[in-house]
Amino acid sequence: MVHAFDAIKISGLENDLKEVTSLLEKCERQRVRGVLTQEQKKIENELTQKRQQQAKKDSGTDTTLKGYTVKINNYGWDQSDKFVKIYITLKGVHSIPAENVEVSFTERGFNLLVKDLDKKNHQMTVNNLLCPIVIAESSKKIKTDMVLVMCKKKASKKWDCLTQVEKQAKEKDKPNMNDNADPSEGLMSMLQKIYSEGDDEMKRTINKAWCESQEKKAKGDDFDL
């Protein structure tokens, strides 16, 4: 009964996360985006805790982690038509018992836990993959000094990035181009961004170009007959 309740709780959190992620994709207001991003992180943390608790109960054994747990931040990824592959380098991971390497999957994420490697535990949690995956056909492989997480794509299409967060970051950096806006306004906005982020030499160059363009514009009025 307790396990069934936990499963329902996890399912509810997964649905909450899916809805928040969907709203973030459509959100245009920066303030609202900030609130949704905070809520997304809160749900992700709670979901990770619930999954760990569920795994301990399902095993029926003492799964208390020895030592401390470090977060895995460095990884590489690649893709084929059918799979997204995440490469996590962990020296000596091939020498520990295979059961110490656990991976659980959801439709939009996975949780990797490597236990008791060099007296530490290593964890990587991703809850916002760019596209849905097929849980039953996703898996892991343990190689020399590496864990390979293979996520089966639900749709055979190319992913531009691994997660929704990366996609949002890329879109945020893009100039805001409105088809109905004055092109000169878009150019000015871009120049202002470059000016604010540039060094002194860049600022002098932009100032010089601006002055020259204003002079040419003034002289050009003389030819309007």
C-alpha atoms as a PDB file:
ATOM      1  CA  MET A   1       0.000   0.000   0.000  1.00  0.00           C
ATOM      2  CA  VAL A   2       2.838   2.339   0.895  1.00  0.00           C
ATOM      3  CA  HIS A   3       4.674   1.493  -2.335  1.00  0.00           C
ATOM      4  CA  ALA A   4       1.543   2.180  -4.389  1.00  0.00           C
ATOM      5  CA  PHE A   5       1.148   5.574  -2.725  1.00  0.00           C
ATOM      6  CA  ASP A   6       4.780   6.437  -3.479  1.00  0.00           C
ATOM      7  CA  ALA A   7       4.335   5.431  -7.117  1.00  0.00           C
ATOM      8  CA  ILE A   8       1.300   7.712  -7.397  1.00  0.00           C
ATOM      9  CA  LYS A   9       3.272  10.551  -5.782  1.00  0.00           C
ATOM     10  CA  ILE A  10       6.147  10.085  -8.239  1.00  0.00           C
ATOM     11  CA  SER A  11       3.745   9.948 -11.184  1.00  0.00           C
ATOM     12  CA  GLY A  12       2.109  13.165 -10.007  1.00  0.00           C
ATOM     13  CA  LEU A  13       5.477  14.929  -9.724  1.00  0.00           C
ATOM     14  CA  GLU A  14       6.441  13.730 -13.209  1.00  0.00           C
ATOM     15  CA  ASN A  15       3.204  15.169 -14.603  1.00  0.00           C
ATOM     16  CA  ASP A  16       3.798  18.450 -12.741  1.00  0.00           C
ATOM     17  CA  LEU A  17       7.308  18.641 -14.176  1.00  0.00           C
ATOM     18  CA  LYS A  18       6.042  17.919 -17.677  1.00  0.00           C
ATOM     19  CA  GLU A  19       3.445  20.718 -17.422  1.00  0.00           C
ATOM     20  CA  VAL A  20       5.909  23.267 -16.002  1.00  0.00           C
ATOM     21  CA  THR A  21       8.391  22.414 -18.775  1.00  0.00           C
ATOM     22  CA  SER A  22       5.643  22.850 -21.361  1.00  0.00           C
ATOM     23  CA  LEU A  23       4.726  26.269 -19.930  1.00  0.00           C
ATOM     24  CA  LEU A  24       8.390  27.321 -19.960  1.00  0.00           C
ATOM     25  CA  GLU A  25       8.603  26.529 -23.671  1.00  0.00           C
ATOM     26  CA  LYS A  26       5.716  28.913 -24.369  1.00  0.00           C
ATOM     27  CA  CYS A  27       6.612  31.588 -21.820  1.00  0.00           C
ATOM     28  CA  GLU A  28       7.821  34.950 -23.141  1.00  0.00           C
ATOM     29  CA  ARG A  29       7.759  37.137 -20.011  1.00  0.00           C
ATOM     30  CA  GLN A  30      11.103  37.125 -18.174  1.00  0.00           C
ATOM     31  CA  ARG A  31       9.561  37.469 -14.702  1.00  0.00           C
ATOM     32  CA  VAL A  32       7.125  34.619 -15.272  1.00  0.00           C
ATOM     33  CA  ARG A  33       9.930  32.513 -16.758  1.00  0.00           C
ATOM     34  CA  GLY A  34      11.971  33.062 -13.587  1.00  0.00           C
ATOM     35  CA  VAL A  35       9.111  31.873 -11.358  1.00  0.00           C
ATOM     36  CA  LEU A  36       8.509  28.802 -13.520  1.00  0.00           C
ATOM     37  CA  THR A  37      12.226  27.947 -13.580  1.00  0.00           C
ATOM     38  CA  GLN A  38      12.363  28.037  -9.761  1.00  0.00           C
ATOM     39  CA  GLU A  39       9.319  25.773  -9.567  1.00  0.00           C
ATOM     40  CA  GLN A  40      10.873  23.424 -12.132  1.00  0.00           C
ATOM     41  CA  LYS A  41      14.024  23.029  -9.998  1.00  0.00           C
ATOM     42  CA  LYS A  42      11.934  22.496  -6.858  1.00  0.00           C
ATOM     43  CA  ILE A  43       9.931  19.697  -8.508  1.00  0.00           C
ATOM     44  CA  GLU A  44      13.101  18.105  -9.934  1.00  0.00           C
ATOM     45  CA  ASN A  45      14.698  17.963  -6.459  1.00  0.00           C
ATOM     46  CA  GLU A  46      11.574  16.484  -4.871  1.00  0.00           C
ATOM     47  CA  LEU A  47      11.264  13.949  -7.684  1.00  0.00           C
ATOM     48  CA  THR A  48      14.874  12.833  -7.238  1.00  0.00           C
ATOM     49  CA  GLN A  49      14.326  12.312  -3.493  1.00  0.00           C
ATOM     50  CA  LYS A  50      11.132  10.306  -4.038  1.00  0.00           C
ATOM     51  CA  ARG A  51      12.807   8.076  -6.633  1.00  0.00           C
ATOM     52  CA  GLN A  52      15.684   7.341  -4.266  1.00  0.00           C
ATOM     53  CA  GLN A  53      13.254   6.485  -1.460  1.00  0.00           C
ATOM     54  CA  GLN A  54      11.270   4.243  -3.804  1.00  0.00           C
ATOM     55  CA  ALA A  55      14.428   2.424  -4.942  1.00  0.00           C
ATOM     56  CA  LYS A  56      15.381   1.685  -1.329  1.00  0.00           C
ATOM     57  CA  LYS A  57      11.929   0.289  -0.530  1.00  0.00           C
ATOM     58  CA  ASP A  58      11.803  -1.807  -3.705  1.00  0.00           C
ATOM     59  CA  SER A  59      15.176  -3.418  -3.008  1.00  0.00           C
ATOM     60  CA  GLY A  60      14.104  -4.523   0.474  1.00  0.00           C
ATOM     61  CA  THR A  61      17.719  -4.229   1.653  1.00  0.00           C
ATOM     62  CA  ASP A  62      19.834  -1.671   3.428  1.00  0.00           C
ATOM     63  CA  THR A  63      20.795   0.665   0.618  1.00  0.00           C
ATOM     64  CA  THR A  64      22.164   3.396   2.827  1.00  0.00           C
ATOM     65  CA  LEU A  65      24.928   5.077   0.862  1.00  0.00           C
ATOM     66  CA  LYS A  66      28.388   4.941   2.358  1.00  0.00           C
ATOM     67  CA  GLY A  67      30.496   8.067   2.127  1.00  0.00           C
ATOM     68  CA  TYR A  68      29.239  11.231   0.468  1.00  0.00           C
ATOM     69  CA  THR A  69      27.606  11.815  -2.907  1.00  0.00           C
ATOM     70  CA  VAL A  70      29.035  14.135  -5.550  1.00  0.00           C
ATOM     71  CA  LYS A  71      27.103  15.530  -8.482  1.00  0.00           C
ATOM     72  CA  ILE A  72      28.243  14.600 -11.982  1.00  0.00           C
ATOM     73  CA  ASN A  73      28.548  17.757 -14.072  1.00  0.00           C
ATOM     74  CA  ASN A  74      30.937  16.697 -16.823  1.00  0.00           C
ATOM     75  CA  TYR A  75      29.646  14.534 -19.640  1.00  0.00           C
ATOM     76  CA  GLY A  76      29.558  14.258 -23.394  1.00  0.00           C
ATOM     77  CA  TRP A  77      26.686  13.274 -25.636  1.00  0.00           C
ATOM     78  CA  ASP A  78      26.039  12.106 -29.159  1.00  0.00           C
ATOM     79  CA  GLN A  79      23.085  10.781 -31.104  1.00  0.00           C
ATOM     80  CA  SER A  80      22.007   8.429 -33.861  1.00  0.00           C
ATOM     81  CA  ASP A  81      18.635   8.161 -35.560  1.00  0.00           C
ATOM     82  CA  LYS A  82      17.324   5.994 -32.720  1.00  0.00           C
ATOM     83  CA  PHE A  83      19.342   6.839 -29.613  1.00  0.00           C
ATOM     84  CA  VAL A  84      20.741   9.740 -27.619  1.00  0.00           C
ATOM     85  CA  LYS A  85      23.950   8.605 -25.923  1.00  0.00           C
ATOM     86  CA  ILE A  86      25.376  10.247 -22.819  1.00  0.00           C
ATOM     87  CA  TYR A  87      29.016   9.479 -21.968  1.00  0.00           C
ATOM     88  CA  ILE A  88      30.053   9.857 -18.316  1.00  0.00           C
ATOM     89  CA  THR A  89      33.758   9.356 -17.576  1.00  0.00           C
ATOM     90  CA  LEU A  90      34.393   7.813 -14.141  1.00  0.00           C
ATOM     91  CA  LYS A  91      37.841   6.363 -13.558  1.00  0.00           C
ATOM     92  CA  GLY A  92      37.667   2.785 -12.302  1.00  0.00           C
ATOM     93  CA  VAL A  93      33.898   2.383 -12.713  1.00  0.00           C
ATOM     94  CA  HIS A  94      34.434  -0.893 -14.580  1.00  0.00           C
ATOM     95  CA  SER A  95      36.160  -2.400 -11.549  1.00  0.00           C
ATOM     96  CA  ILE A  96      33.254  -2.036  -9.080  1.00  0.00           C
ATOM     97  CA  PRO A  97      30.293  -4.473  -8.927  1.00  0.00           C
ATOM     98  CA  ALA A  98      27.844  -3.927 -11.805  1.00  0.00           C
ATOM     99  CA  GLU A  99      24.962  -3.617  -9.332  1.00  0.00           C
ATOM    100  CA  ASN A 100      26.619  -0.486  -7.930  1.00  0.00           C
ATOM    101  CA  VAL A 101      25.737   1.319 -11.153  1.00  0.00           C
ATOM    102  CA  GLU A 102      22.020   2.111 -11.194  1.00  0.00           C
ATOM    103  CA  VAL A 103      20.053   3.985 -13.851  1.00  0.00           C
ATOM    104  CA  SER A 104      16.317   4.699 -13.776  1.00  0.00           C
ATOM    105  CA  PHE A 105      14.478   6.319 -16.679  1.00  0.00           C
ATOM    106  CA  THR A 106      11.405   8.498 -17.112  1.00  0.00           C
ATOM    107  CA  GLU A 107       9.794   9.787 -20.298  1.00  0.00           C
ATOM    108  CA  ARG A 108      11.876  12.969 -20.147  1.00  0.00           C
ATOM    109  CA  GLY A 109      14.869  12.051 -18.037  1.00  0.00           C
ATOM    110  CA  PHE A 110      17.078   9.623 -16.150  1.00  0.00           C
ATOM    111  CA  ASN A 111      18.852   9.252 -12.829  1.00  0.00           C
ATOM    112  CA  LEU A 112      22.311   7.665 -12.704  1.00  0.00           C
ATOM    113  CA  LEU A 113      23.758   6.618  -9.332  1.00  0.00           C
ATOM    114  CA  VAL A 114      27.220   5.050  -9.049  1.00  0.00           C
ATOM    115  CA  LYS A 115      27.763   3.781  -5.508  1.00  0.00           C
ATOM    116  CA  ASP A 116      31.011   3.369  -3.590  1.00  0.00           C
ATOM    117  CA  LEU A 117      33.520   4.369  -6.247  1.00  0.00           C
ATOM    118  CA  ASP A 118      36.736   5.603  -4.574  1.00  0.00           C
ATOM    119  CA  LYS A 119      34.773   5.904  -1.305  1.00  0.00           C
ATOM    120  CA  LYS A 120      32.322   8.317  -2.944  1.00  0.00           C
ATOM    121  CA  ASN A 121      28.971   8.065  -4.686  1.00  0.00           C
ATOM    122  CA  HIS A 122      28.430   9.821  -8.007  1.00  0.00           C
ATOM    123  CA  GLN A 123      25.032  10.982  -9.223  1.00  0.00           C
ATOM    124  CA  MET A 124      23.653  12.576 -12.364  1.00  0.00           C
ATOM    125  CA  THR A 125      19.987  13.535 -12.637  1.00  0.00           C
ATOM    126  CA  VAL A 126      18.368  14.874 -15.805  1.00  0.00           C
ATOM    127  CA  ASN A 127      14.624  15.591 -15.705  1.00  0.00           C
ATOM    128  CA  ASN A 128      14.194  17.806 -18.762  1.00  0.00           C
ATOM    129  CA  LEU A 129      15.445  16.014 -21.859  1.00  0.00           C
ATOM    130  CA  LEU A 130      14.661  17.890 -25.051  1.00  0.00           C
ATOM    131  CA  CYS A 131      12.260  15.207 -26.320  1.00  0.00           C
ATOM    132  CA  PRO A 132      10.470  12.143 -24.888  1.00  0.00           C
ATOM    133  CA  ILE A 133      12.231   8.781 -24.750  1.00  0.00           C
ATOM    134  CA  VAL A 134      11.070   5.153 -24.612  1.00  0.00           C
ATOM    135  CA  ILE A 135      11.706   3.987 -21.044  1.00  0.00           C
ATOM    136  CA  ALA A 136      11.569   0.241 -21.732  1.00  0.00           C
ATOM    137  CA  GLU A 137      14.146   0.445 -24.538  1.00  0.00           C
ATOM    138  CA  SER A 138      16.606   2.732 -22.765  1.00  0.00           C
ATOM    139  CA  SER A 139      19.606   1.206 -21.013  1.00  0.00           C
ATOM    140  CA  LYS A 140      23.143   1.609 -19.684  1.00  0.00           C
ATOM    141  CA  LYS A 141      26.503   0.093 -20.572  1.00  0.00           C
ATOM    142  CA  ILE A 142      29.583  -0.030 -18.382  1.00  0.00           C
ATOM    143  CA  LYS A 143      32.838   0.440 -20.256  1.00  0.00           C
ATOM    144  CA  THR A 144      36.425   1.007 -19.183  1.00  0.00           C
ATOM    145  CA  ASP A 145      36.395   4.172 -17.018  1.00  0.00           C
ATOM    146  CA  MET A 146      33.022   5.151 -18.468  1.00  0.00           C
ATOM    147  CA  VAL A 147      29.260   4.723 -18.140  1.00  0.00           C
ATOM    148  CA  LEU A 148      27.219   5.006 -21.330  1.00  0.00           C
ATOM    149  CA  VAL A 149      23.549   5.932 -20.868  1.00  0.00           C
ATOM    150  CA  MET A 150      21.468   5.144 -23.950  1.00  0.00           C
ATOM    151  CA  CYS A 151      18.097   6.902 -24.256  1.00  0.00           C
ATOM    152  CA  LYS A 152      15.843   5.494 -26.976  1.00  0.00           C
ATOM    153  CA  LYS A 153      14.218   8.320 -28.937  1.00  0.00           C
ATOM    154  CA  LYS A 154      10.449   8.227 -29.138  1.00  0.00           C
ATOM    155  CA  ALA A 155      10.636   9.977 -32.512  1.00  0.00           C
ATOM    156  CA  SER A 156      13.514   9.558 -34.949  1.00  0.00           C
ATOM    157  CA  LYS A 157      14.482  13.196 -35.304  1.00  0.00           C
ATOM    158  CA  LYS A 158      17.664  15.121 -34.648  1.00  0.00           C
ATOM    159  CA  TRP A 159      18.000  16.843 -31.269  1.00  0.00           C
ATOM    160  CA  ASP A 160      19.528  20.332 -31.350  1.00  0.00           C
ATOM    161  CA  CYS A 161      20.621  19.994 -27.721  1.00  0.00           C
ATOM    162  CA  LEU A 162      20.282  17.529 -24.861  1.00  0.00           C
ATOM    163  CA  THR A 163      17.913  19.359 -22.499  1.00  0.00           C
ATOM    164  CA  GLN A 164      15.148  21.950 -22.464  1.00  0.00           C
ATOM    165  CA  VAL A 165      17.336  24.201 -20.290  1.00  0.00           C
ATOM    166  CA  GLU A 166      20.026  24.296 -22.995  1.00  0.00           C
ATOM    167  CA  LYS A 167      17.384  25.103 -25.607  1.00  0.00           C
ATOM    168  CA  GLN A 168      15.998  27.953 -23.504  1.00  0.00           C
ATOM    169  CA  ALA A 169      19.515  29.343 -22.986  1.00  0.00           C
ATOM    170  CA  LYS A 170      20.163  29.332 -26.739  1.00  0.00           C
ATOM    171  CA  GLU A 171      16.846  31.032 -27.486  1.00  0.00           C
ATOM    172  CA  LYS A 172      17.526  33.660 -24.814  1.00  0.00           C
ATOM    173  CA  ASP A 173      20.810  34.574 -26.504  1.00  0.00           C
ATOM    174  CA  LYS A 174      19.182  34.958 -29.918  1.00  0.00           C
ATOM    175  CA  PRO A 175      18.252  38.513 -31.015  1.00  0.00           C
ATOM    176  CA  ASN A 176      14.550  39.179 -30.659  1.00  0.00           C
ATOM    177  CA  MET A 177      13.505  39.494 -34.302  1.00  0.00           C
ATOM    178  CA  ASN A 178       9.932  40.552 -34.953  1.00  0.00           C
ATOM    179  CA  ASP A 179       8.708  40.314 -38.548  1.00  0.00           C
ATOM    180  CA  ASN A 180       6.604  43.451 -38.093  1.00  0.00           C
ATOM    181  CA  ALA A 181       9.302  45.461 -36.349  1.00  0.00           C
ATOM    182  CA  ASP A 182      11.447  48.129 -37.943  1.00  0.00           C
ATOM    183  CA  PRO A 183      14.679  46.398 -39.117  1.00  0.00           C
ATOM    184  CA  SER A 184      16.728  49.352 -37.902  1.00  0.00           C
ATOM    185  CA  GLU A 185      15.403  48.807 -34.373  1.00  0.00           C
ATOM    186  CA  GLY A 186      16.599  45.206 -34.443  1.00  0.00           C
ATOM    187  CA  LEU A 187      20.023  46.363 -35.650  1.00  0.00           C
ATOM    188  CA  MET A 188      20.230  49.002 -32.932  1.00  0.00           C
ATOM    189  CA  SER A 189      19.304  46.421 -30.296  1.00  0.00           C
ATOM    190  CA  MET A 190      22.031  44.102 -31.532  1.00  0.00           C
ATOM    191  CA  LEU A 191      24.611  46.905 -31.598  1.00  0.00           C
ATOM    192  CA  GLN A 192      23.696  47.943 -28.071  1.00  0.00           C
ATOM    193  CA  LYS A 193      24.194  44.358 -26.861  1.00  0.00           C
ATOM    194  CA  ILE A 194      27.599  44.122 -28.574  1.00  0.00           C
ATOM    195  CA  TYR A 195      28.572  47.560 -27.176  1.00  0.00           C
ATOM    196  CA  SER A 196      27.591  46.685 -23.608  1.00  0.00           C
ATOM    197  CA  GLU A 197      29.494  43.395 -23.688  1.00  0.00           C
ATOM    198  CA  GLY A 198      32.529  44.621 -25.657  1.00  0.00           C
ATOM    199  CA  ASP A 199      35.895  45.858 -24.472  1.00  0.00           C
ATOM    200  CA  ASP A 200      37.168  49.452 -24.793  1.00  0.00           C
ATOM    201  CA  GLU A 201      38.527  48.852 -28.302  1.00  0.00           C
ATOM    202  CA  MET A 202      35.192  47.448 -29.466  1.00  0.00           C
ATOM    203  CA  LYS A 203      33.339  50.434 -27.978  1.00  0.00           C
ATOM    204  CA  ARG A 204      35.652  52.904 -29.750  1.00  0.00           C
ATOM    205  CA  THR A 205      35.110  51.073 -33.054  1.00  0.00           C
ATOM    206  CA  ILE A 206      31.324  51.158 -32.685  1.00  0.00           C
ATOM    207  CA  ASN A 207      31.354  54.841 -31.709  1.00  0.00           C
ATOM    208  CA  LYS A 208      33.502  55.693 -34.744  1.00  0.00           C
ATOM    209  CA  ALA A 209      31.246  53.717 -37.096  1.00  0.00           C
ATOM    210  CA  TRP A 210      28.169  55.402 -35.631  1.00  0.00           C
ATOM    211  CA  CYS A 211      29.591  58.897 -36.117  1.00  0.00           C
ATOM    212  CA  GLU A 212      30.601  58.114 -39.702  1.00  0.00           C
ATOM    213  CA  SER A 213      27.153  56.721 -40.516  1.00  0.00           C
ATOM    214  CA  GLN A 214      25.487  59.843 -39.115  1.00  0.00           C
ATOM    215  CA  GLU A 215      27.754  62.070 -41.239  1.00  0.00           C
ATOM    216  CA  LYS A 216      26.992  60.045 -44.380  1.00  0.00           C
ATOM    217  CA  LYS A 217      23.282  60.212 -43.605  1.00  0.00           C
ATOM    218  CA  ALA A 218      23.462  64.023 -43.272  1.00  0.00           C
ATOM    219  CA  LYS A 219      25.369  64.372 -46.533  1.00  0.00           C
ATOM    220  CA  GLY A 220      22.968  61.994 -48.244  1.00  0.00           C
ATOM    221  CA  ASP A 221      20.124  64.448 -47.651  1.00  0.00           C
ATOM    222  CA  ASP A 222      21.820  66.824 -50.134  1.00  0.00           C
ATOM    223  CA  PHE A 223      21.179  64.357 -52.946  1.00  0.00           C
ATOM    224  CA  ASP A 224      17.463  64.080 -52.324  1.00  0.00           C
ATOM    225  CA  LEU A 225      16.155  66.229 -55.231  1.00  0.00           C
END
